C-alpha atoms as a PDB file:
ATOM      1  CA  UNK A   1     159.876 167.873 -42.229  1.00  0.00           C
ATOM      2  CA  UNK A   2     163.791 168.770 -40.853  1.00  0.00           C
ATOM      3  CA  UNK A   3     165.909 171.793 -41.093  1.00  0.00           C
ATOM      4  CA  UNK A   4     169.532 171.193 -39.919  1.00  0.00           C
ATOM      5  CA  UNK A   5     171.706 174.235 -39.812  1.00  0.00           C
ATOM      6  CA  UNK A   6     175.359 174.645 -39.786  1.00  0.00           C
ATOM      7  CA  UNK A   7     177.819 177.491 -40.036  1.00  0.00           C
ATOM      8  CA  UNK A   8     180.949 177.172 -41.306  1.00  0.00           C
ATOM      9  CA  UNK A   9     182.903 179.370 -39.404  1.00  0.00           C
ATOM     10  CA  UNK A  10     183.930 181.926 -41.753  1.00  0.00           C
ATOM     11  CA  UNK A  11     180.214 183.770 -43.049  1.00  0.00           C
ATOM     12  CA  UNK A  12     178.297 181.032 -44.890  1.00  0.00           C
ATOM     13  CA  UNK A  13     175.985 178.680 -43.285  1.00  0.00           C
ATOM     14  CA  UNK A  14     174.456 175.731 -44.661  1.00  0.00           C
ATOM     15  CA  UNK A  15     170.780 174.664 -44.240  1.00  0.00           C
ATOM     16  CA  UNK A  16     169.507 171.294 -45.301  1.00  0.00           C
ATOM     17  CA  UNK A  17     165.738 170.495 -45.250  1.00  0.00           C
ATOM     18  CA  UNK A  18     164.205 167.415 -45.599  1.00  0.00           C
ATOM     19  CA  UNK A  19     160.582 165.874 -46.163  1.00  0.00           C
ATOM     20  CA  UNK A  20     159.368 162.448 -45.723  1.00  0.00           C
ATOM     21  CA  UNK A  21     155.785 160.923 -45.952  1.00  0.00           C
ATOM     22  CA  UNK A  22     154.463 161.072 -42.907  1.00  0.00           C
ATOM     23  CA  UNK A  23     154.331 158.117 -41.565  1.00  0.00           C
ATOM     24  CA  UNK A  24     155.749 155.130 -43.789  1.00  0.00           C
ATOM     25  CA  UNK A  25     159.453 156.302 -42.897  1.00  0.00           C
ATOM     26  CA  UNK A  26     160.158 152.288 -42.884  1.00  0.00           C
ATOM     27  CA  UNK A  27     158.162 151.229 -45.657  1.00  0.00           C
ATOM     28  CA  UNK A  28     159.757 150.211 -48.914  1.00  0.00           C
ATOM     29  CA  UNK A  29     157.795 152.702 -51.135  1.00  0.00           C
ATOM     30  CA  UNK A  30     158.893 155.470 -48.944  1.00  0.00           C
ATOM     31  CA  UNK A  31     159.521 159.044 -50.574  1.00  0.00           C
ATOM     32  CA  UNK A  32     161.426 162.001 -49.656  1.00  0.00           C
ATOM     33  CA  UNK A  33     162.844 165.818 -50.609  1.00  0.00           C
ATOM     34  CA  UNK A  34     166.217 166.775 -49.825  1.00  0.00           C
ATOM     35  CA  UNK A  35     167.605 170.596 -50.900  1.00  0.00           C
ATOM     36  CA  UNK A  36     170.756 172.029 -49.027  1.00  0.00           C
ATOM     37  CA  UNK A  37     170.716 175.593 -49.375  1.00  0.00           C
ATOM     38  CA  UNK A  38     173.855 177.962 -48.818  1.00  0.00           C
ATOM     39  CA  UNK A  39     173.786 181.065 -48.274  1.00  0.00           C
ATOM     40  CA  UNK A  40     175.895 184.017 -46.981  1.00  0.00           C
ATOM     41  CA  UNK A  41     175.468 184.404 -42.832  1.00  0.00           C
ATOM     42  CA  UNK A  42     174.336 187.688 -43.718  1.00  0.00           C
ATOM     43  CA  UNK A  43     171.948 189.882 -46.182  1.00  0.00           C
ATOM     44  CA  UNK A  44     170.881 185.661 -48.120  1.00  0.00           C
ATOM     45  CA  UNK A  45     170.451 185.046 -45.256  1.00  0.00           C
ATOM     46  CA  UNK A  46     167.522 187.557 -44.049  1.00  0.00           C
ATOM     47  CA  UNK A  47     166.092 187.558 -47.236  1.00  0.00           C
ATOM     48  CA  UNK A  48     165.633 184.028 -47.056  1.00  0.00           C
ATOM     49  CA  UNK A  49     163.407 184.469 -44.080  1.00  0.00           C
ATOM     50  CA  UNK A  50     161.491 186.956 -44.892  1.00  0.00           C
ATOM     51  CA  UNK A  51     160.549 185.427 -48.269  1.00  0.00           C
ATOM     52  CA  UNK A  52     159.628 181.907 -46.155  1.00  0.00           C
ATOM     53  CA  UNK A  53     157.789 184.328 -43.738  1.00  0.00           C
ATOM     54  CA  UNK A  54     155.389 185.899 -46.644  1.00  0.00           C
ATOM     55  CA  UNK A  55     155.170 182.392 -48.398  1.00  0.00           C
ATOM     56  CA  UNK A  56     154.120 181.221 -45.251  1.00  0.00           C
ATOM     57  CA  UNK A  57     151.631 184.087 -44.344  1.00  0.00           C
ATOM     58  CA  UNK A  58     149.902 184.708 -47.352  1.00  0.00           C
ATOM     59  CA  UNK A  59     146.480 184.263 -47.749  1.00  0.00           C
ATOM     60  CA  UNK A  60     146.806 181.391 -50.945  1.00  0.00           C
ATOM     61  CA  UNK A  61     149.324 179.444 -48.882  1.00  0.00           C
ATOM     62  CA  UNK A  62     146.454 178.445 -46.379  1.00  0.00           C
ATOM     63  CA  UNK A  63     143.849 177.212 -48.937  1.00  0.00           C
ATOM     64  CA  UNK A  64     146.658 175.831 -50.504  1.00  0.00           C
END
């Protein structure tokens, strides 16, 4: 997984999150998925961090 973040020097942060098949980067059947999020640098970033923290620390995430 890769995460790239950029700031537009105003009030927005763009996050590009990509996942790829492990060890198969150059295989003909390799897959990847990318999502781009544009968030306000203040409250939206804070809310995202809280949501990700809950997702990664919930007991259900550890057993999935």
